[in-house]
Amino acid sequence: MNEKFIKFDVFGKSLSIKRQDRQSDQPQWLLFRDSGTGLRSRIHEVIIPPELKETELAGYLDDIFHENATAKHSQVLKLT
C-alpha cells in the first residue's frame, strides 16, 4: 500500500489524500482531516472518483468544499 500523503490547505483546513491501490479492487483516493499533531482521521462522507489524476485533486476539493471559502481563506492550496 502506498503511504504517500498529498497535503492540502482547503479553505483554511488541513486535509490530506492518499491513494490506496488494492490488488482485487479498483484503486481509490482516501481523504483525511489532519490534526496538526500528526494524527489523521478519515473523512468517509467524501468520495473522490478513482479515475481522477493527482493533478486534478485540488480542483475537486475546491468543488466539494467551496462553501467553506472565506475572504481570508479563498482557495485550495496543494502543500506537498
N, C-alpha and C. Protein backbone atom coordinates (compact mmCIF):
# COMPACT_ATOMS: atom_id res chain seq x y z
N MET A 1 0.85 -1.19 0.00
CA MET A 1 0.00 0.00 0.00
C MET A 1 0.89 1.24 0.00
N ASN A 2 0.53 2.20 -0.79
CA ASN A 2 1.28 3.45 -0.90
C ASN A 2 0.99 4.32 0.31
N GLU A 3 2.03 4.76 1.02
CA GLU A 3 1.85 5.59 2.22
C GLU A 3 2.08 7.07 1.95
N LYS A 4 2.13 7.47 0.69
CA LYS A 4 2.34 8.88 0.35
C LYS A 4 1.06 9.66 0.58
N PHE A 5 1.14 10.68 1.42
CA PHE A 5 0.01 11.57 1.64
C PHE A 5 0.26 12.87 0.89
N ILE A 6 -0.76 13.34 0.21
CA ILE A 6 -0.71 14.61 -0.50
C ILE A 6 -1.47 15.61 0.37
N LYS A 7 -0.79 16.64 0.82
CA LYS A 7 -1.39 17.58 1.77
C LYS A 7 -1.95 18.81 1.06
N PHE A 8 -3.09 19.27 1.58
CA PHE A 8 -3.76 20.45 1.03
C PHE A 8 -4.21 21.37 2.15
N ASP A 9 -4.21 22.66 1.87
CA ASP A 9 -4.91 23.64 2.69
C ASP A 9 -6.21 23.90 1.94
N VAL A 10 -7.31 23.46 2.52
CA VAL A 10 -8.62 23.56 1.87
C VAL A 10 -9.42 24.63 2.61
N PHE A 11 -9.33 25.85 2.10
CA PHE A 11 -10.02 26.99 2.71
C PHE A 11 -9.72 27.09 4.20
N GLY A 12 -8.44 26.92 4.55
CA GLY A 12 -8.00 27.07 5.94
C GLY A 12 -7.99 25.78 6.75
N LYS A 13 -8.49 24.70 6.19
CA LYS A 13 -8.49 23.40 6.88
C LYS A 13 -7.39 22.52 6.29
N SER A 14 -6.71 21.79 7.15
CA SER A 14 -5.63 20.90 6.71
C SER A 14 -6.21 19.52 6.40
N LEU A 15 -6.15 19.14 5.12
CA LEU A 15 -6.62 17.84 4.67
C LEU A 15 -5.51 17.15 3.91
N SER A 16 -5.56 15.82 3.88
CA SER A 16 -4.60 15.07 3.07
C SER A 16 -5.32 13.93 2.36
N ILE A 17 -4.72 13.51 1.27
CA ILE A 17 -5.28 12.45 0.43
C ILE A 17 -4.22 11.40 0.21
N LYS A 18 -4.64 10.15 0.25
CA LYS A 18 -3.74 9.03 -0.01
C LYS A 18 -4.37 8.14 -1.06
N ARG A 19 -3.56 7.66 -1.98
CA ARG A 19 -4.03 6.71 -3.00
C ARG A 19 -3.88 5.31 -2.42
N GLN A 20 -4.98 4.57 -2.40
CA GLN A 20 -4.93 3.19 -1.92
C GLN A 20 -5.11 2.27 -3.12
N ASP A 21 -4.09 1.50 -3.39
CA ASP A 21 -4.13 0.55 -4.50
C ASP A 21 -4.38 -0.84 -3.95
N ARG A 22 -5.51 -1.39 -4.30
CA ARG A 22 -5.86 -2.75 -3.88
C ARG A 22 -5.65 -3.69 -5.05
N GLN A 23 -5.21 -4.89 -4.75
CA GLN A 23 -4.95 -5.83 -5.84
C GLN A 23 -6.24 -6.34 -6.47
N SER A 24 -7.28 -6.54 -5.68
CA SER A 24 -8.51 -7.11 -6.23
C SER A 24 -9.55 -6.06 -6.62
N ASP A 25 -9.44 -4.86 -6.05
CA ASP A 25 -10.41 -3.80 -6.32
C ASP A 25 -9.75 -2.67 -7.10
N GLN A 26 -10.58 -1.77 -7.58
CA GLN A 26 -10.08 -0.58 -8.25
C GLN A 26 -9.39 0.32 -7.22
N PRO A 27 -8.27 0.95 -7.59
CA PRO A 27 -7.62 1.89 -6.67
C PRO A 27 -8.59 2.99 -6.27
N GLN A 28 -8.38 3.57 -5.10
CA GLN A 28 -9.25 4.64 -4.64
C GLN A 28 -8.44 5.71 -3.92
N TRP A 29 -9.00 6.92 -3.90
CA TRP A 29 -8.43 8.02 -3.13
C TRP A 29 -9.11 8.06 -1.77
N LEU A 30 -8.33 8.22 -0.71
CA LEU A 30 -8.85 8.32 0.65
C LEU A 30 -8.57 9.73 1.18
N LEU A 31 -9.58 10.36 1.77
CA LEU A 31 -9.46 11.73 2.28
C LEU A 31 -9.38 11.70 3.80
N PHE A 32 -8.47 12.52 4.35
CA PHE A 32 -8.25 12.58 5.80
C PHE A 32 -8.23 14.03 6.27
N ARG A 33 -8.68 14.24 7.50
CA ARG A 33 -8.54 15.52 8.19
C ARG A 33 -7.27 15.41 9.03
N ASP A 34 -6.37 16.38 8.91
CA ASP A 34 -5.13 16.38 9.67
C ASP A 34 -5.31 17.19 10.95
N SER A 35 -4.79 16.66 12.05
CA SER A 35 -4.96 17.33 13.34
C SER A 35 -3.91 18.40 13.60
N GLY A 36 -2.79 18.35 12.89
CA GLY A 36 -1.69 19.26 13.18
C GLY A 36 -0.71 18.67 14.17
N THR A 37 -1.08 17.53 14.76
CA THR A 37 -0.20 16.85 15.72
C THR A 37 0.28 15.51 15.17
N GLY A 38 0.06 15.28 13.89
CA GLY A 38 0.48 14.02 13.27
C GLY A 38 -0.62 12.98 13.18
N LEU A 39 -1.77 13.26 13.76
CA LEU A 39 -2.90 12.33 13.69
C LEU A 39 -3.80 12.70 12.53
N ARG A 40 -4.38 11.68 11.92
CA ARG A 40 -5.31 11.88 10.81
C ARG A 40 -6.59 11.10 11.10
N SER A 41 -7.71 11.68 10.70
CA SER A 41 -8.98 10.94 10.79
C SER A 41 -9.60 10.91 9.40
N ARG A 42 -10.05 9.75 9.02
CA ARG A 42 -10.62 9.53 7.69
C ARG A 42 -11.95 10.26 7.56
N ILE A 43 -12.16 10.88 6.43
CA ILE A 43 -13.44 11.52 6.11
C ILE A 43 -14.16 10.58 5.15
N HIS A 44 -15.11 9.83 5.67
CA HIS A 44 -15.81 8.82 4.88
C HIS A 44 -16.92 9.42 4.02
N GLU A 45 -17.38 10.62 4.38
CA GLU A 45 -18.52 11.22 3.69
C GLU A 45 -18.19 11.75 2.30
N VAL A 46 -16.90 11.91 2.00
CA VAL A 46 -16.49 12.44 0.70
C VAL A 46 -15.84 11.32 -0.10
N ILE A 47 -16.40 11.03 -1.25
CA ILE A 47 -15.85 10.02 -2.15
C ILE A 47 -15.18 10.74 -3.31
N ILE A 48 -13.92 10.47 -3.50
CA ILE A 48 -13.17 11.07 -4.61
C ILE A 48 -13.16 10.06 -5.75
N PRO A 49 -13.61 10.44 -6.93
CA PRO A 49 -13.63 9.49 -8.05
C PRO A 49 -12.24 8.89 -8.29
N PRO A 50 -12.16 7.57 -8.38
CA PRO A 50 -10.86 6.91 -8.52
C PRO A 50 -10.13 7.25 -9.81
N GLU A 51 -10.86 7.69 -10.83
CA GLU A 51 -10.22 7.99 -12.11
C GLU A 51 -9.53 9.37 -12.12
N LEU A 52 -9.73 10.17 -11.07
CA LEU A 52 -9.07 11.48 -11.02
C LEU A 52 -7.56 11.31 -10.94
N LYS A 53 -6.85 12.19 -11.63
CA LYS A 53 -5.39 12.21 -11.55
C LYS A 53 -4.98 13.08 -10.37
N GLU A 54 -3.77 12.88 -9.90
CA GLU A 54 -3.27 13.68 -8.77
C GLU A 54 -3.36 15.17 -9.06
N THR A 55 -3.13 15.56 -10.29
CA THR A 55 -3.17 16.98 -10.67
C THR A 55 -4.58 17.57 -10.62
N GLU A 56 -5.60 16.72 -10.55
CA GLU A 56 -6.99 17.18 -10.53
C GLU A 56 -7.58 17.25 -9.12
N LEU A 57 -6.83 16.81 -8.12
CA LEU A 57 -7.37 16.72 -6.76
C LEU A 57 -7.71 18.08 -6.16
N ALA A 58 -6.85 19.08 -6.33
CA ALA A 58 -7.12 20.40 -5.76
C ALA A 58 -8.42 20.98 -6.32
N GLY A 59 -8.63 20.85 -7.61
CA GLY A 59 -9.87 21.33 -8.23
C GLY A 59 -11.09 20.61 -7.70
N TYR A 60 -10.97 19.31 -7.48
CA TYR A 60 -12.09 18.54 -6.95
C TYR A 60 -12.41 18.99 -5.52
N LEU A 61 -11.36 19.15 -4.69
CA LEU A 61 -11.58 19.62 -3.32
C LEU A 61 -12.22 21.00 -3.31
N ASP A 62 -11.83 21.85 -4.24
CA ASP A 62 -12.44 23.18 -4.36
C ASP A 62 -13.93 23.05 -4.67
N ASP A 63 -14.29 22.17 -5.59
CA ASP A 63 -15.70 21.96 -5.95
C ASP A 63 -16.51 21.45 -4.76
N ILE A 64 -15.95 20.53 -4.00
CA ILE A 64 -16.67 19.92 -2.88
C ILE A 64 -16.82 20.87 -1.69
N PHE A 65 -15.76 21.61 -1.38
CA PHE A 65 -15.72 22.40 -0.14
C PHE A 65 -15.84 23.91 -0.37
N HIS A 66 -16.24 24.36 -1.57
CA HIS A 66 -16.24 25.79 -1.87
C HIS A 66 -17.11 26.62 -0.92
N GLU A 67 -18.12 26.02 -0.30
CA GLU A 67 -18.97 26.77 0.63
C GLU A 67 -18.22 27.16 1.90
N ASN A 68 -17.03 26.58 2.13
CA ASN A 68 -16.21 26.93 3.30
C ASN A 68 -15.26 28.08 3.02
N ALA A 69 -15.27 28.61 1.81
CA ALA A 69 -14.36 29.71 1.45
C ALA A 69 -14.72 30.97 2.23
N THR A 70 -13.68 31.70 2.62
CA THR A 70 -13.85 32.99 3.29
C THR A 70 -12.92 33.99 2.61
N ALA A 71 -13.02 35.25 2.98
CA ALA A 71 -12.12 36.25 2.42
C ALA A 71 -10.67 35.93 2.76
N LYS A 72 -10.44 35.41 3.96
CA LYS A 72 -9.08 35.08 4.40
C LYS A 72 -8.58 33.78 3.77
N HIS A 73 -9.46 32.83 3.60
CA HIS A 73 -9.11 31.51 3.04
C HIS A 73 -9.98 31.28 1.80
N SER A 74 -9.51 31.77 0.66
CA SER A 74 -10.35 31.79 -0.53
C SER A 74 -9.99 30.75 -1.58
N GLN A 75 -9.04 29.84 -1.25
CA GLN A 75 -8.64 28.87 -2.26
C GLN A 75 -8.13 27.58 -1.63
N VAL A 76 -7.98 26.59 -2.49
CA VAL A 76 -7.37 25.31 -2.11
C VAL A 76 -5.93 25.34 -2.58
N LEU A 77 -5.02 25.04 -1.66
CA LEU A 77 -3.59 25.04 -1.98
C LEU A 77 -3.00 23.66 -1.75
N LYS A 78 -2.28 23.17 -2.73
CA LYS A 78 -1.55 21.92 -2.55
C LYS A 78 -0.27 22.25 -1.80
N LEU A 79 -0.04 21.56 -0.67
CA LEU A 79 1.13 21.84 0.16
C LEU A 79 2.29 20.91 -0.15
N THR A 80 1.99 19.65 -0.44
CA THR A 80 3.06 18.68 -0.79
C THR A 80 2.57 17.80 -1.91
